Protein backbone atom coordinates (compact mmCIF):
# COMPACT_ATOMS: atom_id res chain seq x y z
CA MET A 1 17.70 31.08 14.10
CA ALA A 2 18.25 27.58 16.19
CA GLN A 3 15.11 25.86 16.82
CA ASP A 4 14.43 22.52 19.02
CA PHE A 5 12.73 20.01 16.86
CA GLU A 6 11.37 17.55 18.70
CA ARG A 7 8.98 14.28 17.81
CA HIS A 8 6.28 12.62 19.46
CA ILE A 9 5.28 8.48 18.52
CA ASP A 10 2.40 6.80 20.22
CA ARG A 11 1.66 3.07 19.15
CA VAL A 12 -1.79 1.26 18.80
CA THR A 13 -4.13 4.14 20.41
CA GLY A 14 -7.77 2.87 20.67
CA THR A 15 -11.08 3.36 22.29
CA SER A 16 -9.71 5.43 25.05
CA PRO A 17 -7.87 9.05 24.30
CA VAL A 18 -4.22 9.21 24.50
CA THR A 19 -2.31 12.47 25.44
CA VAL A 20 0.37 12.38 22.71
CA PHE A 21 2.22 15.53 24.64
CA THR A 22 1.71 18.39 26.76
CA SER A 23 3.03 21.67 25.83
CA ASP A 24 5.50 22.92 28.57
CA SER A 25 5.90 26.80 26.68
CA ASP A 26 4.57 28.27 23.12
CA ASP A 27 5.09 25.10 21.14
CA THR A 28 4.65 25.01 17.19
CA VAL A 29 3.03 21.64 15.42
CA ILE A 30 4.43 21.02 12.23
CA GLY A 31 3.26 17.58 11.80
CA ILE A 32 0.67 15.06 12.32
CA ARG A 33 0.40 11.90 10.62
CA CYS A 34 -2.02 9.25 12.09
CA ALA A 35 -2.11 5.56 10.65
CA ASN A 36 -4.60 2.92 10.45
CA VAL A 37 -2.83 -0.29 11.66
CA VAL A 38 -5.49 -3.04 11.42
CA GLY A 39 -7.66 -4.92 8.90
CA SER A 40 -10.59 -2.41 8.99
CA ALA A 41 -11.75 1.05 8.24
CA ILE A 42 -11.28 3.42 11.51
CA ASN A 43 -12.37 6.67 12.17
CA VAL A 44 -10.07 8.75 14.71
CA ASP A 45 -10.14 12.44 16.60
CA VAL A 46 -7.35 14.58 17.24
CA TYR A 47 -7.76 17.75 19.16
CA ILE A 48 -6.10 20.05 21.62
CA VAL A 49 -7.54 20.09 25.42
CA ASN A 50 -7.56 23.44 26.83
CA SER A 51 -9.00 24.02 30.11
CA ALA A 52 -10.40 20.64 29.94
CA VAL A 53 -12.62 21.80 26.87
CA ASN A 54 -11.66 19.95 23.30
CA TYR A 55 -10.77 21.92 20.74
CA TYR A 56 -11.02 19.66 17.65
CA LEU A 57 -8.49 19.13 14.45
CA VAL A 58 -10.51 16.37 13.15
CA LYS A 59 -13.77 14.87 14.55
CA THR A 60 -14.70 11.22 13.14
CA ALA A 61 -12.13 10.97 10.15
CA PRO A 62 -11.92 7.91 8.59
CA ILE A 63 -8.86 6.08 7.37
CA PRO A 64 -9.10 3.55 5.19
CA VAL A 65 -7.19 -0.11 5.40
CA GLY A 66 -3.74 0.94 4.96
CA GLY A 67 -4.34 4.33 5.40
CA SER A 68 -2.95 7.08 6.88
CA LEU A 69 -4.25 10.87 7.39
CA GLU A 70 -1.56 13.99 7.27
CA LEU A 71 -3.32 16.88 9.42
CA ILE A 72 -0.74 19.35 8.75
CA ASP A 73 0.54 19.93 5.40
CA GLY A 74 1.61 22.62 3.18
CA GLY A 75 3.45 24.64 5.44
CA ALA A 76 0.52 24.97 7.96
CA LYS A 77 0.86 25.02 11.42
CA VAL A 78 -0.39 24.82 14.49
CA VAL A 79 0.63 26.81 18.01
CA MET A 80 0.11 25.43 21.39
CA GLN A 81 0.65 27.17 24.63
CA SER A 82 1.65 26.26 27.74
CA GLY A 83 -0.50 23.46 29.21
CA ASP A 84 -2.17 22.30 25.99
CA ALA A 85 -2.26 18.82 25.66
CA LEU A 86 -2.39 17.16 22.34
CA THR A 87 -4.93 14.08 22.34
CA VAL A 88 -6.13 11.22 19.99
CA VAL A 89 -8.60 8.61 19.88
CA SER A 90 -9.77 5.51 17.60
CA ASP A 91 -13.37 4.03 17.23
CA THR A 92 -11.29 0.84 17.25
CA ALA A 93 -8.91 -1.16 19.68
CA SER A 94 -5.18 -1.10 19.28
CA SER A 95 -5.96 0.38 15.83
CA LEU A 96 -4.39 4.09 15.43
CA ASP A 97 -0.37 5.13 15.25
CA THR A 98 0.33 8.70 15.54
CA ILE A 99 3.53 10.63 14.98
CA VAL A 100 4.03 14.37 15.52
CA SER A 101 6.46 16.71 15.12
CA ARG A 102 6.75 19.97 16.54
CA ILE A 103 9.36 22.64 17.30
CA ASP A 104 9.91 23.43 21.26
CA THR A 105 9.91 26.62 22.67
CA ILE A 106 9.69 29.14 19.66
CA SER A 107 12.85 31.48 19.77
CA ALA A 108 12.54 35.16 18.50
């Protein structure tokens, strides 16, 4: 079964929430990695916005200096419906790189 794998990258997110991507179909997120790119520890939130409500995958998660946080591993997945927005924010200016891998439009 052929699938359409997609990648989204967001560079140096800070204290304003950033939408990494908005689902335009039934999509499956298969990987989220958040990396600290500054010289101090940071805290991050990653959530899905659905109908103006935030559903947190992680809230105020600490990432040490030089560290990263893998939110989906071991075969886990997060399904997003059309219109859902995957959003990230840090407690420190220009401190967070985010890479998201997903399968676009799951086929039968």
